[in-house]
C-alpha cells in the first residue's frame, strides 16, 4: 500500500493557486524528498497531506485515509515537524517529549526511552530547550515527532541551521527510521541532502514537474558543466557570463552549465583570447546543477506558501 497517494490535488487561496494538480505516490518505508524554490508550494502540499488544509480540488490519501474526510485520523498517525520545530523553549527536552506523547495519549515509557537513546538525548533530558545548540534542538524535535509511534514522519527542512556534522547524523537517523518501516517525507534546500533520498519530487509554481531517483533526475536534467580556469579570473568570469548568463563563479573558476554534447570550448577560447587560459574541462553535474536546470526548464513561477 502507498503511504501517500494524490490525484490532481490542488489548493487555492483566493486567486492564488498554491498547489496545482499534484499527482504523487510515495511508498511505505521510503525516504521521499520534496525540493523546489522558496515559495514553490512545498509547505502548502505538506499541510494538505497532514490534514491541516482542505483541498480545493482533486484528492488523495495518507496511510489509506482520505485527506479531505479523515483529517483527524491522519493527524493521529503522522508526526509533523515544522520549520520552527514546534518545541517549547522554556521546557526541558524530556518535558517536551512527554508533552507530545501525552497529547496523543501515548503511555509507553519504554518507547520514549528508546527514542531518547536512539537520538542520543539521554544526557540532555533535563536541559531547557532554549539553551541547547541547534543540532541538539532538532534532534529533540525529532524525538517529539516520534513520541506517538507515527507511521509517517513529515519533516519540513529539519536540518535548517544545523552544522554539517549534525546534519549527517540526522540523515543517518532518517535512513534507520525508514528501514524500520516508517515513511519519511522531507523538504530540503540542501542538494547534498536531497541526493540521500530514495526519490525526489521537484515542485515549482505549485506544480509537480519531475519525480524520480536523484541520480535519474541528474541525468534527466540534460546538463553538463564546463569549468574554466583563467586569469585574471574576474575578467574571465565577466566575459563568460555575458555569453552564458547561467555561469557561476566557484572560487576563481567559472562554471558554465550547458547541454550535454554542446561544443563550447572554441567560443570560450575566442572570448578569452587575450587572457591566460590554464584549462577548460568538463565535469558531471551535481544535484544542485540539475535542480537549477530543471527549474529553469519548467519556468520558475513561484507562489507563496501558507
Protein backbone atom coordinates (compact mmCIF):
# COMPACT_ATOMS: atom_id res chain seq x y z
CA UNK A 1 0.00 0.00 0.00
CA UNK A 2 1.14 3.53 -0.73
CA UNK A 3 1.84 5.73 2.26
CA UNK A 4 0.82 8.81 0.24
CA UNK A 5 -1.26 8.95 -2.92
CA UNK A 6 -2.70 12.07 -4.53
CA UNK A 7 -4.65 12.71 -7.72
CA UNK A 8 -4.71 16.20 -9.28
CA UNK A 9 -4.50 17.69 -5.77
CA UNK A 10 -4.96 21.46 -5.72
CA UNK A 11 -5.22 24.23 -3.16
CA UNK A 12 -6.10 27.86 -3.79
CA UNK A 13 -6.21 30.89 -1.53
CA UNK A 14 -8.47 33.34 -3.32
CA UNK A 15 -6.93 33.83 -6.75
CA UNK A 16 -3.64 32.26 -5.72
CA UNK A 17 -3.11 28.64 -6.74
CA UNK A 18 -0.60 27.41 -4.18
CA UNK A 19 -0.74 23.75 -5.28
CA UNK A 20 -1.82 22.78 -8.79
CA UNK A 21 -2.86 19.31 -9.97
CA UNK A 22 -0.26 17.37 -7.99
CA UNK A 23 -0.39 13.61 -8.59
CA UNK A 24 2.02 11.78 -6.34
CA UNK A 25 2.68 8.30 -4.99
CA UNK A 26 5.01 7.57 -2.07
CA UNK A 27 5.73 4.00 -0.99
CA UNK A 28 5.72 2.82 2.61
CA UNK A 29 9.19 2.90 4.19
CA UNK A 30 10.51 5.37 1.62
CA UNK A 31 12.58 8.48 2.32
CA UNK A 32 10.89 10.85 -0.11
CA UNK A 33 12.17 14.37 -0.66
CA UNK A 34 10.31 17.47 -1.78
CA UNK A 35 12.56 20.06 -3.38
CA UNK A 36 11.80 23.36 -5.04
CA UNK A 37 12.48 27.10 -4.88
CA UNK A 38 11.24 29.19 -1.97
CA UNK A 39 7.50 29.74 -2.30
CA UNK A 40 7.05 26.82 -4.70
CA UNK A 41 4.18 25.26 -2.74
CA UNK A 42 6.02 22.60 -0.73
CA UNK A 43 4.72 23.64 2.69
CA UNK A 44 1.17 24.01 1.40
CA UNK A 45 1.35 20.49 -0.03
CA UNK A 46 2.63 19.15 3.28
CA UNK A 47 -0.21 20.80 5.17
CA UNK A 48 -2.73 19.28 2.78
CA UNK A 49 -1.25 15.83 3.38
CA UNK A 50 -1.25 16.33 7.17
CA UNK A 51 -4.92 17.27 7.22
CA UNK A 52 -4.26 20.91 8.12
CA UNK A 53 -5.84 22.22 4.89
CA UNK A 54 -8.85 21.04 2.89
CA UNK A 55 -8.17 20.59 -0.85
CA UNK A 56 -9.77 22.99 -3.29
CA UNK A 57 -9.82 20.29 -5.98
CA UNK A 58 -8.57 16.76 -6.50
CA UNK A 59 -7.87 14.48 -3.60
CA UNK A 60 -5.70 11.84 -2.09
CA UNK A 61 -4.99 9.52 0.78
CA UNK A 62 -2.40 9.27 3.53
CA UNK A 63 -1.89 5.87 5.15
CA UNK A 64 -5.09 4.76 3.43
CA UNK A 65 -7.12 7.64 4.88
CA UNK A 66 -8.85 10.31 2.80
CA UNK A 67 -7.14 13.69 3.21
CA UNK A 68 -10.43 15.60 2.99
CA UNK A 69 -12.76 13.39 5.05
CA UNK A 70 -10.46 11.72 7.60
CA UNK A 71 -8.15 14.55 8.60
CA UNK A 72 -8.24 13.90 12.35
CA UNK A 73 -7.38 10.22 11.86
CA UNK A 74 -4.47 11.19 9.64
CA UNK A 75 -3.10 13.64 12.21
CA UNK A 76 -3.16 10.87 14.83
CA UNK A 77 -0.78 8.74 12.73
CA UNK A 78 1.52 11.41 11.34
CA UNK A 79 4.47 13.07 13.05
CA UNK A 80 4.87 16.60 11.67
CA UNK A 81 7.97 18.69 12.33
CA UNK A 82 7.61 22.25 11.07
CA UNK A 83 10.45 24.60 10.16
CA UNK A 84 10.16 26.17 13.62
CA UNK A 85 10.48 22.65 15.17
CA UNK A 86 7.41 23.10 17.43
CA UNK A 87 9.22 22.70 20.76
CA UNK A 88 8.52 24.82 23.83
CA UNK A 89 11.77 26.64 24.56
CA UNK A 90 11.10 27.09 28.28
CA UNK A 91 10.56 23.36 28.85
CA UNK A 92 13.24 20.70 29.10
CA UNK A 93 13.86 18.11 26.40
CA UNK A 94 12.14 15.39 28.45
CA UNK A 95 9.18 17.64 29.25
CA UNK A 96 8.67 18.38 25.56
CA UNK A 97 8.80 14.71 24.62
CA UNK A 98 6.38 13.73 27.39
CA UNK A 99 4.04 16.57 26.41
CA UNK A 100 3.82 15.34 22.83
CA UNK A 101 3.33 11.75 24.00
CA UNK A 102 0.53 12.86 26.36
CA UNK A 103 -1.20 14.87 23.62
CA UNK A 104 -1.50 11.68 21.60
CA UNK A 105 -2.46 9.59 24.60
CA UNK A 106 0.73 7.52 24.49
CA UNK A 107 1.68 5.77 27.76
CA UNK A 108 4.76 3.84 26.76
CA UNK A 109 7.84 4.79 28.85
CA UNK A 110 9.91 2.05 27.20
CA UNK A 111 9.29 3.54 23.76
CA UNK A 112 10.12 7.06 24.97
CA UNK A 113 13.37 5.78 26.48
CA UNK A 114 14.19 4.02 23.21
CA UNK A 115 13.59 7.20 21.23
CA UNK A 116 15.79 9.22 23.58
CA UNK A 117 18.54 6.61 23.31
CA UNK A 118 18.19 6.41 19.54
CA UNK A 119 18.62 10.18 19.24
CA UNK A 120 21.39 10.41 21.88
CA UNK A 121 19.36 12.65 24.18
CA UNK A 122 19.93 10.81 27.49
CA UNK A 123 22.44 13.38 28.78
CA UNK A 124 20.39 16.47 27.89
CA UNK A 125 16.92 15.38 29.00
CA UNK A 126 16.76 17.92 31.84
CA UNK A 127 18.22 20.77 29.81
CA UNK A 128 15.90 23.63 28.83
CA UNK A 129 15.44 23.52 25.06
CA UNK A 130 16.20 27.22 24.51
CA UNK A 131 19.72 26.74 25.93
CA UNK A 132 20.69 23.92 23.55
CA UNK A 133 22.68 24.10 20.29
CA UNK A 134 20.58 24.00 17.12
CA UNK A 135 21.58 20.44 16.23
CA UNK A 136 20.52 19.12 19.64
CA UNK A 137 17.23 21.07 19.46
CA UNK A 138 16.47 19.48 16.10
CA UNK A 139 17.15 16.01 17.49
CA UNK A 140 14.84 16.80 20.40
CA UNK A 141 12.16 17.95 17.95
CA UNK A 142 12.59 14.68 16.04
CA UNK A 143 12.11 12.78 19.31
CA UNK A 144 8.89 14.70 19.98
CA UNK A 145 7.67 13.85 16.48
CA UNK A 146 8.39 10.16 17.12
CA UNK A 147 6.81 10.07 20.60
CA UNK A 148 3.48 8.60 19.42
CA UNK A 149 4.80 5.88 17.05
CA UNK A 150 3.88 7.68 13.80
CA UNK A 151 3.67 5.62 10.62
CA UNK A 152 4.55 8.69 8.56
CA UNK A 153 7.02 11.41 9.54
CA UNK A 154 6.74 14.74 7.72
CA UNK A 155 9.77 16.95 8.24
CA UNK A 156 9.86 20.50 6.84
CA UNK A 157 13.54 21.47 6.47
CA UNK A 158 14.62 19.54 9.58
CA UNK A 159 18.31 20.46 9.25
CA UNK A 160 17.85 24.20 8.78
CA UNK A 161 20.65 25.95 10.70
CA UNK A 162 22.28 22.65 11.68
CA UNK A 163 26.05 22.22 11.32
CA UNK A 164 27.37 19.69 8.74
CA UNK A 165 28.28 17.01 11.30
CA UNK A 166 24.87 17.13 12.98
CA UNK A 167 23.22 17.19 9.56
CA UNK A 168 24.94 13.96 8.51
CA UNK A 169 23.97 12.35 11.80
CA UNK A 170 20.33 13.30 11.34
CA UNK A 171 20.21 11.89 7.82
CA UNK A 172 21.75 8.65 9.05
CA UNK A 173 18.91 8.50 11.59
CA UNK A 174 16.26 9.15 8.93
CA UNK A 175 17.62 6.22 6.95
CA UNK A 176 17.39 3.98 10.01
CA UNK A 177 13.85 5.14 10.73
CA UNK A 178 12.75 4.35 7.18
CA UNK A 179 14.39 0.93 7.30
CA UNK A 180 12.22 0.30 10.37
CA UNK A 181 9.12 0.72 8.16
CA UNK A 182 8.26 4.37 8.84
CA UNK A 183 7.76 6.54 5.76
CA UNK A 184 9.70 9.81 5.81
CA UNK A 185 8.59 12.83 3.76
CA UNK A 186 11.15 15.62 3.97
CA UNK A 187 11.76 19.01 2.39
CA UNK A 188 15.24 20.44 1.99
CA UNK A 189 17.14 23.17 0.18
CA UNK A 190 20.45 21.35 0.65
CA UNK A 191 21.02 19.39 -2.54
CA UNK A 192 23.59 17.08 -0.93
CA UNK A 193 20.78 16.04 1.42
CA UNK A 194 18.31 15.64 -1.41
CA UNK A 195 20.68 13.16 -3.00
CA UNK A 196 20.28 10.90 0.05
CA UNK A 197 16.54 10.46 -0.52
CA UNK A 198 15.21 7.32 -2.18
CA UNK A 199 13.22 9.50 -4.56
CA UNK A 200 12.62 13.19 -5.11
CA UNK A 201 9.74 15.34 -6.32
CA UNK A 202 10.59 18.75 -7.76
CA UNK A 203 7.90 21.38 -7.27
CA UNK A 204 7.87 24.86 -8.76
CA UNK A 205 4.99 27.26 -9.18
CA UNK A 206 2.79 24.87 -7.22
CA UNK A 207 3.22 22.20 -9.91
CA UNK A 208 5.00 18.86 -9.74
CA UNK A 209 7.47 18.93 -12.64
CA UNK A 210 9.67 15.87 -12.02
CA UNK A 211 9.68 12.79 -9.80
CA UNK A 212 12.45 10.20 -9.79
CA UNK A 213 15.52 8.83 -8.06
CA UNK A 214 18.18 11.53 -7.52
CA UNK A 215 20.69 10.08 -10.00
CA UNK A 216 17.99 9.71 -12.63
CA UNK A 217 16.92 13.33 -12.17
CA UNK A 218 20.51 14.42 -12.66
CA UNK A 219 20.64 12.52 -15.95
CA UNK A 220 17.22 13.82 -16.99
CA UNK A 221 18.35 17.41 -16.48
CA UNK A 222 20.44 17.07 -19.64
CA UNK A 223 23.14 19.42 -18.37
CA UNK A 224 26.90 19.17 -18.08
CA UNK A 225 29.32 21.65 -16.55
CA UNK A 226 32.27 23.29 -18.27
CA UNK A 227 34.89 24.51 -15.79
CA UNK A 228 37.14 27.34 -16.95
CA UNK A 229 40.35 28.23 -15.12
CA UNK A 230 41.64 31.52 -16.49
CA UNK A 231 43.47 34.60 -15.24
CA UNK A 232 42.53 37.25 -14.32
CA UNK A 233 39.55 35.27 -13.14
CA UNK A 234 37.25 38.25 -12.56
CA UNK A 235 37.58 39.41 -16.15
CA UNK A 236 37.19 35.85 -17.45
CA UNK A 237 34.00 35.38 -15.45
CA UNK A 238 32.51 38.69 -16.65
CA UNK A 239 33.12 37.84 -20.31
CA UNK A 240 31.78 34.31 -20.00
CA UNK A 241 28.68 35.37 -18.09
CA UNK A 242 27.88 37.90 -20.81
CA UNK A 243 27.53 34.97 -23.22
CA UNK A 244 26.23 32.33 -20.77
CA UNK A 245 24.10 34.15 -18.14
CA UNK A 246 23.80 30.94 -16.14
CA UNK A 247 27.55 30.84 -15.50
CA UNK A 248 28.61 30.96 -11.84
CA UNK A 249 31.87 31.52 -10.00
CA UNK A 250 33.34 28.85 -7.70
CA UNK A 251 36.48 30.20 -6.11
CA UNK A 252 38.48 31.52 -9.06
CA UNK A 253 36.97 29.12 -11.63
CA UNK A 254 33.94 29.79 -13.81
CA UNK A 255 31.32 27.03 -14.16
CA UNK A 256 29.18 27.08 -17.32
CA UNK A 257 26.05 24.88 -17.43
CA UNK A 258 25.49 23.64 -20.98
CA UNK A 259 23.54 20.93 -22.75
CA UNK A 260 25.26 17.57 -22.91
CA UNK A 261 27.29 17.34 -26.10
CA UNK A 262 27.26 21.09 -26.72
CA UNK A 263 30.60 22.32 -28.12
CA UNK A 264 31.67 25.43 -26.19
CA UNK A 265 35.46 25.33 -25.89
CA UNK A 266 36.23 27.17 -29.17
CA UNK A 267 33.87 30.01 -28.23
CA UNK A 268 35.33 30.23 -24.69
CA UNK A 269 38.88 30.40 -26.05
CA UNK A 270 37.81 33.06 -28.53
CA UNK A 271 36.32 35.40 -25.92
CA UNK A 272 39.29 34.84 -23.59
CA UNK A 273 41.95 35.03 -26.33
CA UNK A 274 43.98 37.77 -24.62
CA UNK A 275 43.78 36.14 -21.14
CA UNK A 276 45.76 33.30 -19.59
CA UNK A 277 43.52 30.24 -20.04
CA UNK A 278 45.02 27.45 -17.96
CA UNK A 279 42.35 24.82 -18.54
CA UNK A 280 38.86 24.13 -19.88
CA UNK A 281 37.42 20.88 -18.54
CA UNK A 282 34.11 19.03 -18.36
CA UNK A 283 32.58 17.56 -15.20
CA UNK A 284 29.38 15.75 -14.36
CA UNK A 285 26.59 17.92 -12.94
CA UNK A 286 25.80 17.94 -9.23
CA UNK A 287 22.30 17.63 -7.79
CA UNK A 288 22.30 21.41 -7.47
CA UNK A 289 23.18 21.83 -11.16
CA UNK A 290 20.35 19.50 -12.11
CA UNK A 291 17.91 21.29 -9.79
CA UNK A 292 18.67 24.67 -11.36
CA UNK A 293 18.36 23.27 -14.88
CA UNK A 294 15.06 21.50 -14.20
CA UNK A 295 13.54 24.56 -12.52
CA UNK A 296 14.64 26.76 -15.42
CA UNK A 297 13.17 24.32 -17.93
CA UNK A 298 9.87 24.28 -16.07
CA UNK A 299 9.71 28.06 -15.81
CA UNK A 300 10.40 29.21 -12.27
CA UNK A 301 6.97 30.60 -11.43
CA UNK A 302 6.68 30.84 -7.64
CA UNK A 303 3.73 31.03 -5.28
CA UNK A 304 3.62 31.94 -1.63
CA UNK A 305 3.40 29.05 0.82
CA UNK A 306 0.80 29.40 3.54
